Amino acid sequence: YIDKFKYKSVGTEDFKSYLLSYFQEDS
């Protein structure tokens, strides 16, 4: 997550979307 969004400004939805995508195979 740190590597993907480094140098950027993000909102909560960015974190949520990335987590859901990263763990999409995890029930």
PDB file of all heavy atoms in Angstrom:
ATOM      1  N   TYR A   1       0.836  -1.205   0.000  1.00  0.00           N
ATOM      2  CA  TYR A   1       0.000   0.000   0.000  1.00  0.00           C
ATOM      3  C   TYR A   1       0.871   1.256   0.000  1.00  0.00           C
ATOM      4  O   TYR A   1       0.639   2.196  -0.760  1.00  0.00           O
ATOM      5  CB  TYR A   1      -0.924  -0.027   1.219  1.00  0.00           C
ATOM      6  CG  TYR A   1      -1.498   1.315   1.608  1.00  0.00           C
ATOM      7  CD1 TYR A   1      -2.595   1.854   0.943  1.00  0.00           C
ATOM      8  CD2 TYR A   1      -0.922   2.062   2.639  1.00  0.00           C
ATOM      9  CE1 TYR A   1      -3.114   3.095   1.303  1.00  0.00           C
ATOM     10  CE2 TYR A   1      -1.434   3.291   3.005  1.00  0.00           C
ATOM     11  CZ  TYR A   1      -2.519   3.809   2.332  1.00  0.00           C
ATOM     12  OH  TYR A   1      -3.021   5.039   2.676  1.00  0.00           O
ATOM     13  N   ILE A   2       1.907   1.251   0.858  1.00  0.00           N
ATOM     14  CA  ILE A   2       2.829   2.394   0.900  1.00  0.00           C
ATOM     15  C   ILE A   2       3.488   2.582  -0.464  1.00  0.00           C
ATOM     16  O   ILE A   2       3.577   3.702  -0.983  1.00  0.00           O
ATOM     17  CB  ILE A   2       3.919   2.185   1.984  1.00  0.00           C
ATOM     18  CG1 ILE A   2       3.297   2.045   3.368  1.00  0.00           C
ATOM     19  CG2 ILE A   2       4.949   3.318   1.936  1.00  0.00           C
ATOM     20  CD1 ILE A   2       2.692   3.286   3.935  1.00  0.00           C
ATOM     21  N   ASP A   3       3.925   1.497  -1.055  1.00  0.00           N
ATOM     22  CA  ASP A   3       4.622   1.586  -2.346  1.00  0.00           C
ATOM     23  C   ASP A   3       3.679   2.070  -3.453  1.00  0.00           C
ATOM     24  O   ASP A   3       4.070   2.893  -4.296  1.00  0.00           O
ATOM     25  CB  ASP A   3       5.203   0.220  -2.717  1.00  0.00           C
ATOM     26  CG  ASP A   3       6.047   0.277  -3.975  1.00  0.00           C
ATOM     27  OD1 ASP A   3       7.054   1.021  -3.976  1.00  0.00           O
ATOM     28  OD2 ASP A   3       5.694  -0.393  -4.963  1.00  0.00           O
ATOM     29  N   LYS A   4       2.447   1.604  -3.440  1.00  0.00           N
ATOM     30  CA  LYS A   4       1.507   1.988  -4.499  1.00  0.00           C
ATOM     31  C   LYS A   4       1.152   3.472  -4.442  1.00  0.00           C
ATOM     32  O   LYS A   4       1.035   4.138  -5.474  1.00  0.00           O
ATOM     33  CB  LYS A   4       0.224   1.154  -4.395  1.00  0.00           C
ATOM     34  CG  LYS A   4      -0.828   1.531  -5.458  1.00  0.00           C
ATOM     35  CD  LYS A   4      -2.021   0.616  -5.404  1.00  0.00           C
ATOM     36  CE  LYS A   4      -3.097   1.065  -6.398  1.00  0.00           C
ATOM     37  NZ  LYS A   4      -2.626   1.069  -7.797  1.00  0.00           N
ATOM     38  N   PHE A   5       0.972   3.996  -3.245  1.00  0.00           N
ATOM     39  CA  PHE A   5       0.479   5.369  -3.116  1.00  0.00           C
ATOM     40  C   PHE A   5       1.551   6.373  -2.693  1.00  0.00           C
ATOM     41  O   PHE A   5       1.222   7.515  -2.346  1.00  0.00           O
ATOM     42  CB  PHE A   5      -0.696   5.408  -2.131  1.00  0.00           C
ATOM     43  CG  PHE A   5      -1.922   4.698  -2.630  1.00  0.00           C
ATOM     44  CD1 PHE A   5      -2.290   3.460  -2.118  1.00  0.00           C
ATOM     45  CD2 PHE A   5      -2.700   5.246  -3.637  1.00  0.00           C
ATOM     46  CE1 PHE A   5      -3.418   2.801  -2.580  1.00  0.00           C
ATOM     47  CE2 PHE A   5      -3.832   4.600  -4.103  1.00  0.00           C
ATOM     48  CZ  PHE A   5      -4.194   3.363  -3.582  1.00  0.00           C
ATOM     49  N   LYS A   6       2.830   5.980  -2.731  1.00  0.00           N
ATOM     50  CA  LYS A   6       3.894   6.905  -2.333  1.00  0.00           C
ATOM     51  C   LYS A   6       3.885   8.152  -3.217  1.00  0.00           C
ATOM     52  O   LYS A   6       3.541   8.084  -4.405  1.00  0.00           O
ATOM     53  CB  LYS A   6       5.256   6.215  -2.392  1.00  0.00           C
ATOM     54  CG  LYS A   6       5.662   5.718  -3.770  1.00  0.00           C
ATOM     55  CD  LYS A   6       6.931   4.891  -3.680  1.00  0.00           C
ATOM     56  CE  LYS A   6       7.300   4.330  -5.053  1.00  0.00           C
ATOM     57  NZ  LYS A   6       8.439   3.406  -4.982  1.00  0.00           N
ATOM     58  N   TYR A   7       4.201   9.272  -2.599  1.00  0.00           N
ATOM     59  CA  TYR A   7       4.229  10.605  -3.224  1.00  0.00           C
ATOM     60  C   TYR A   7       2.833  11.136  -3.549  1.00  0.00           C
ATOM     61  O   TYR A   7       2.705  12.181  -4.179  1.00  0.00           O
ATOM     62  CB  TYR A   7       5.095  10.643  -4.490  1.00  0.00           C
ATOM     63  CG  TYR A   7       6.472  10.050  -4.306  1.00  0.00           C
ATOM     64  CD1 TYR A   7       6.858   8.901  -4.993  1.00  0.00           C
ATOM     65  CD2 TYR A   7       7.387  10.633  -3.432  1.00  0.00           C
ATOM     66  CE1 TYR A   7       8.126   8.349  -4.811  1.00  0.00           C
ATOM     67  CE2 TYR A   7       8.648  10.085  -3.249  1.00  0.00           C
ATOM     68  CZ  TYR A   7       9.009   8.950  -3.947  1.00  0.00           C
ATOM     69  OH  TYR A   7      10.257   8.409  -3.759  1.00  0.00           O
ATOM     70  N   LYS A   8       1.777  10.430  -3.114  1.00  0.00           N
ATOM     71  CA  LYS A   8       0.415  10.833  -3.466  1.00  0.00           C
ATOM     72  C   LYS A   8      -0.382  11.244  -2.225  1.00  0.00           C
ATOM     73  O   LYS A   8      -0.018  10.931  -1.095  1.00  0.00           O
ATOM     74  CB  LYS A   8      -0.314   9.695  -4.188  1.00  0.00           C
ATOM     75  CG  LYS A   8       0.305   9.327  -5.531  1.00  0.00           C
ATOM     76  CD  LYS A   8      -0.408   8.138  -6.157  1.00  0.00           C
ATOM     77  CE  LYS A   8       0.264   7.750  -7.480  1.00  0.00           C
ATOM     78  NZ  LYS A   8      -0.344   6.526  -8.053  1.00  0.00           N
ATOM     79  N   SER A   9      -1.487  11.918  -2.488  1.00  0.00           N
ATOM     80  CA  SER A   9      -2.466  12.237  -1.445  1.00  0.00           C
ATOM     81  C   SER A   9      -3.713  11.411  -1.719  1.00  0.00           C
ATOM     82  O   SER A   9      -4.199  11.386  -2.857  1.00  0.00           O
ATOM     83  CB  SER A   9      -2.806  13.725  -1.468  1.00  0.00           C
ATOM     84  OG  SER A   9      -1.653  14.504  -1.243  1.00  0.00           O
ATOM     85  N   VAL A  10      -4.213  10.734  -0.694  1.00  0.00           N
ATOM     86  CA  VAL A  10      -5.280   9.754  -0.903  1.00  0.00           C
ATOM     87  C   VAL A  10      -6.412   9.963   0.095  1.00  0.00           C
ATOM     88  O   VAL A  10      -6.257  10.610   1.126  1.00  0.00           O
ATOM     89  CB  VAL A  10      -4.737   8.313  -0.771  1.00  0.00           C
ATOM     90  CG1 VAL A  10      -3.707   8.020  -1.846  1.00  0.00           C
ATOM     91  CG2 VAL A  10      -4.138   8.084   0.624  1.00  0.00           C
ATOM     92  N   GLY A  11      -7.560   9.389  -0.238  1.00  0.00           N
ATOM     93  CA  GLY A  11      -8.707   9.378   0.651  1.00  0.00           C
ATOM     94  C   GLY A  11      -9.000   7.962   1.116  1.00  0.00           C
ATOM     95  O   GLY A  11      -8.410   6.990   0.634  1.00  0.00           O
ATOM     96  N   THR A  12      -9.929   7.842   2.029  1.00  0.00           N
ATOM     97  CA  THR A  12     -10.284   6.546   2.602  1.00  0.00           C
ATOM     98  C   THR A  12     -10.726   5.561   1.526  1.00  0.00           C
ATOM     99  O   THR A  12     -10.420   4.363   1.595  1.00  0.00           O
ATOM    100  CB  THR A  12     -11.379   6.729   3.663  1.00  0.00           C
ATOM    101  OG1 THR A  12     -10.886   7.614   4.679  1.00  0.00           O
ATOM    102  CG2 THR A  12     -11.778   5.418   4.287  1.00  0.00           C
ATOM    103  N   GLU A  13     -11.441   6.047   0.524  1.00  0.00           N
ATOM    104  CA  GLU A  13     -11.912   5.157  -0.547  1.00  0.00           C
ATOM    105  C   GLU A  13     -10.757   4.522  -1.318  1.00  0.00           C
ATOM    106  O   GLU A  13     -10.874   3.398  -1.804  1.00  0.00           O
ATOM    107  CB  GLU A  13     -12.834   5.926  -1.505  1.00  0.00           C
ATOM    108  CG  GLU A  13     -14.217   6.207  -0.937  1.00  0.00           C
ATOM    109  CD  GLU A  13     -14.979   4.943  -0.553  1.00  0.00           C
ATOM    110  OE1 GLU A  13     -14.972   3.975  -1.342  1.00  0.00           O
ATOM    111  OE2 GLU A  13     -15.545   4.904   0.557  1.00  0.00           O
ATOM    112  N   ASP A  14      -9.636   5.242  -1.432  1.00  0.00           N
ATOM    113  CA  ASP A  14      -8.463   4.676  -2.117  1.00  0.00           C
ATOM    114  C   ASP A  14      -7.935   3.476  -1.346  1.00  0.00           C
ATOM    115  O   ASP A  14      -7.608   2.439  -1.930  1.00  0.00           O
ATOM    116  CB  ASP A  14      -7.363   5.733  -2.256  1.00  0.00           C
ATOM    117  CG  ASP A  14      -7.788   6.904  -3.123  1.00  0.00           C
ATOM    118  OD1 ASP A  14      -8.143   6.685  -4.293  1.00  0.00           O
ATOM    119  OD2 ASP A  14      -7.767   8.043  -2.623  1.00  0.00           O
ATOM    120  N   PHE A  15      -7.846   3.620  -0.030  1.00  0.00           N
ATOM    121  CA  PHE A  15      -7.384   2.511   0.807  1.00  0.00           C
ATOM    122  C   PHE A  15      -8.361   1.341   0.731  1.00  0.00           C
ATOM    123  O   PHE A  15      -7.967   0.188   0.538  1.00  0.00           O
ATOM    124  CB  PHE A  15      -7.237   2.975   2.250  1.00  0.00           C
ATOM    125  CG  PHE A  15      -7.009   1.854   3.227  1.00  0.00           C
ATOM    126  CD1 PHE A  15      -5.807   1.162   3.249  1.00  0.00           C
ATOM    127  CD2 PHE A  15      -8.005   1.472   4.122  1.00  0.00           C
ATOM    128  CE1 PHE A  15      -5.594   0.124   4.150  1.00  0.00           C
ATOM    129  CE2 PHE A  15      -7.804   0.442   5.024  1.00  0.00           C
ATOM    130  CZ  PHE A  15      -6.590  -0.238   5.040  1.00  0.00           C
ATOM    131  N   LYS A  16      -9.639   1.643   0.856  1.00  0.00           N
ATOM    132  CA  LYS A  16     -10.659   0.589   0.824  1.00  0.00           C
ATOM    133  C   LYS A  16     -10.617  -0.175  -0.503  1.00  0.00           C
ATOM    134  O   LYS A  16     -10.605  -1.413  -0.518  1.00  0.00           O
ATOM    135  CB  LYS A  16     -12.046   1.207   1.040  1.00  0.00           C
ATOM    136  CG  LYS A  16     -13.191   0.212   0.942  1.00  0.00           C
ATOM    137  CD  LYS A  16     -14.542   0.910   1.107  1.00  0.00           C
ATOM    138  CE  LYS A  16     -15.700  -0.054   0.876  1.00  0.00           C
ATOM    139  NZ  LYS A  16     -17.013   0.615   0.997  1.00  0.00           N
ATOM    140  N   SER A  17     -10.579   0.548  -1.604  1.00  0.00           N
ATOM    141  CA  SER A  17     -10.580  -0.089  -2.936  1.00  0.00           C
ATOM    142  C   SER A  17      -9.349  -0.968  -3.116  1.00  0.00           C
ATOM    143  O   SER A  17      -9.435  -2.078  -3.653  1.00  0.00           O
ATOM    144  CB  SER A  17     -10.627   0.970  -4.032  1.00  0.00           C
ATOM    145  OG  SER A  17     -11.819   1.705  -3.962  1.00  0.00           O
ATOM    146  N   TYR A  18      -8.193  -0.458  -2.662  1.00  0.00           N
ATOM    147  CA  TYR A  18      -6.966  -1.233  -2.841  1.00  0.00           C
ATOM    148  C   TYR A  18      -6.987  -2.491  -1.985  1.00  0.00           C
ATOM    149  O   TYR A  18      -6.602  -3.579  -2.454  1.00  0.00           O
ATOM    150  CB  TYR A  18      -5.743  -0.375  -2.516  1.00  0.00           C
ATOM    151  CG  TYR A  18      -4.439  -1.099  -2.750  1.00  0.00           C
ATOM    152  CD1 TYR A  18      -4.116  -1.593  -4.019  1.00  0.00           C
ATOM    153  CD2 TYR A  18      -3.545  -1.324  -1.709  1.00  0.00           C
ATOM    154  CE1 TYR A  18      -2.932  -2.278  -4.243  1.00  0.00           C
ATOM    155  CE2 TYR A  18      -2.349  -2.010  -1.926  1.00  0.00           C
ATOM    156  CZ  TYR A  18      -2.055  -2.486  -3.190  1.00  0.00           C
ATOM    157  OH  TYR A  18      -0.880  -3.173  -3.413  1.00  0.00           O
ATOM    158  N   LEU A  19      -7.469  -2.377  -0.746  1.00  0.00           N
ATOM    159  CA  LEU A  19      -7.531  -3.562   0.115  1.00  0.00           C
ATOM    160  C   LEU A  19      -8.488  -4.608  -0.463  1.00  0.00           C
ATOM    161  O   LEU A  19      -8.162  -5.800  -0.507  1.00  0.00           O
ATOM    162  CB  LEU A  19      -7.956  -3.161   1.524  1.00  0.00           C
ATOM    163  CG  LEU A  19      -7.998  -4.317   2.537  1.00  0.00           C
ATOM    164  CD1 LEU A  19      -7.453  -3.874   3.889  1.00  0.00           C
ATOM    165  CD2 LEU A  19      -9.416  -4.863   2.741  1.00  0.00           C
ATOM    166  N   LEU A  20      -9.654  -4.167  -0.920  1.00  0.00           N
ATOM    167  CA  LEU A  20     -10.628  -5.120  -1.468  1.00  0.00           C
ATOM    168  C   LEU A  20     -10.093  -5.795  -2.725  1.00  0.00           C
ATOM    169  O   LEU A  20     -10.345  -6.988  -2.962  1.00  0.00           O
ATOM    170  CB  LEU A  20     -11.951  -4.409  -1.755  1.00  0.00           C
ATOM    171  CG  LEU A  20     -12.725  -3.937  -0.517  1.00  0.00           C
ATOM    172  CD1 LEU A  20     -13.970  -3.162  -0.922  1.00  0.00           C
ATOM    173  CD2 LEU A  20     -13.108  -5.119   0.379  1.00  0.00           C
ATOM    174  N   SER A  21      -9.340  -5.044  -3.524  1.00  0.00           N
ATOM    175  CA  SER A  21      -8.749  -5.630  -4.729  1.00  0.00           C
ATOM    176  C   SER A  21      -7.643  -6.615  -4.365  1.00  0.00           C
ATOM    177  O   SER A  21      -7.558  -7.712  -4.920  1.00  0.00           O
ATOM    178  CB  SER A  21      -8.192  -4.513  -5.620  1.00  0.00           C
ATOM    179  OG  SER A  21      -7.457  -5.051  -6.690  1.00  0.00           O
ATOM    180  N   TYR A  22      -6.805  -6.231  -3.412  1.00  0.00           N
ATOM    181  CA  TYR A  22      -5.658  -7.054  -3.023  1.00  0.00           C
ATOM    182  C   TYR A  22      -6.122  -8.386  -2.422  1.00  0.00           C
ATOM    183  O   TYR A  22      -5.542  -9.439  -2.688  1.00  0.00           O
ATOM    184  CB  TYR A  22      -4.809  -6.274  -2.020  1.00  0.00           C
ATOM    185  CG  TYR A  22      -3.502  -6.912  -1.655  1.00  0.00           C
ATOM    186  CD1 TYR A  22      -2.326  -6.563  -2.318  1.00  0.00           C
ATOM    187  CD2 TYR A  22      -3.406  -7.855  -0.617  1.00  0.00           C
ATOM    188  CE1 TYR A  22      -1.099  -7.134  -1.974  1.00  0.00           C
ATOM    189  CE2 TYR A  22      -2.199  -8.434  -0.265  1.00  0.00           C
ATOM    190  CZ  TYR A  22      -1.047  -8.068  -0.949  1.00  0.00           C
ATOM    191  OH  TYR A  22       0.164  -8.637  -0.606  1.00  0.00           O
ATOM    192  N   PHE A  23      -7.182  -8.327  -1.596  1.00  0.00           N
ATOM    193  CA  PHE A  23      -7.664  -9.526  -0.905  1.00  0.00           C
ATOM    194  C   PHE A  23      -8.929 -10.092  -1.551  1.00  0.00           C
ATOM    195  O   PHE A  23      -9.723 -10.757  -0.874  1.00  0.00           O
ATOM    196  CB  PHE A  23      -7.938  -9.199   0.569  1.00  0.00           C
ATOM    197  CG  PHE A  23      -6.701  -8.979   1.397  1.00  0.00           C
ATOM    198  CD1 PHE A  23      -6.294  -7.694   1.741  1.00  0.00           C
ATOM    199  CD2 PHE A  23      -5.935 -10.050   1.832  1.00  0.00           C
ATOM    200  CE1 PHE A  23      -5.164  -7.480   2.520  1.00  0.00           C
ATOM    201  CE2 PHE A  23      -4.799  -9.857   2.611  1.00  0.00           C
ATOM    202  CZ  PHE A  23      -4.409  -8.564   2.949  1.00  0.00           C
ATOM    203  N   GLN A  24      -9.125  -9.848  -2.829  1.00  0.00           N
ATOM    204  CA  GLN A  24     -10.389 -10.240  -3.463  1.00  0.00           C
ATOM    205  C   GLN A  24     -10.652 -11.741  -3.415  1.00  0.00           C
ATOM    206  O   GLN A  24     -11.809 -12.174  -3.454  1.00  0.00           O
ATOM    207  CB  GLN A  24     -10.417  -9.746  -4.912  1.00  0.00           C
ATOM    208  CG  GLN A  24      -9.308 -10.283  -5.804  1.00  0.00           C
ATOM    209  CD  GLN A  24      -9.352  -9.642  -7.179  1.00  0.00           C
ATOM    210  OE1 GLN A  24     -10.412  -9.619  -7.809  1.00  0.00           O
ATOM    211  NE2 GLN A  24      -8.232  -9.118  -7.640  1.00  0.00           N
ATOM    212  N   GLU A  25      -9.602 -12.544  -3.287  1.00  0.00           N
ATOM    213  CA  GLU A  25      -9.782 -13.999  -3.217  1.00  0.00           C
ATOM    214  C   GLU A  25     -10.023 -14.487  -1.788  1.00  0.00           C
ATOM    215  O   GLU A  25     -10.236 -15.675  -1.565  1.00  0.00           O
ATOM    216  CB  GLU A  25      -8.540 -14.708  -3.790  1.00  0.00           C
ATOM    217  CG  GLU A  25      -8.198 -14.338  -5.228  1.00  0.00           C
ATOM    218  CD  GLU A  25      -9.302 -14.694  -6.210  1.00  0.00           C
ATOM    219  OE1 GLU A  25      -9.968 -15.737  -6.003  1.00  0.00           O
ATOM    220  OE2 GLU A  25      -9.511 -13.930  -7.168  1.00  0.00           O
ATOM    221  N   ASP A  26      -9.955 -13.571  -0.834  1.00  0.00           N
ATOM    222  CA  ASP A  26     -10.077 -13.951   0.580  1.00  0.00           C
ATOM    223  C   ASP A  26     -11.505 -13.672   1.040  1.00  0.00           C
ATOM    224  O   ASP A  26     -11.946 -12.517   1.073  1.00  0.00           O
ATOM    225  CB  ASP A  26      -9.072 -13.132   1.410  1.00  0.00           C
ATOM    226  CG  ASP A  26      -8.929 -13.643   2.834  1.00  0.00           C
ATOM    227  OD1 ASP A  26      -9.919 -14.177   3.375  1.00  0.00           O
ATOM    228  OD2 ASP A  26      -7.842 -13.491   3.418  1.00  0.00           O
ATOM    229  N   SER A  27     -12.215 -14.704   1.423  1.00  0.00           N
ATOM    230  CA  SER A  27     -13.620 -14.548   1.817  1.00  0.00           C
ATOM    231  C   SER A  27     -13.788 -13.717   3.096  1.00  0.00           C
ATOM    232  O   SER A  27     -14.874 -13.206   3.372  1.00  0.00           O
ATOM    233  CB  SER A  27     -14.267 -15.926   2.027  1.00  0.00           C
ATOM    234  OG  SER A  27     -13.593 -16.641   3.063  1.00  0.00           O
TER     235      SER A  27
END
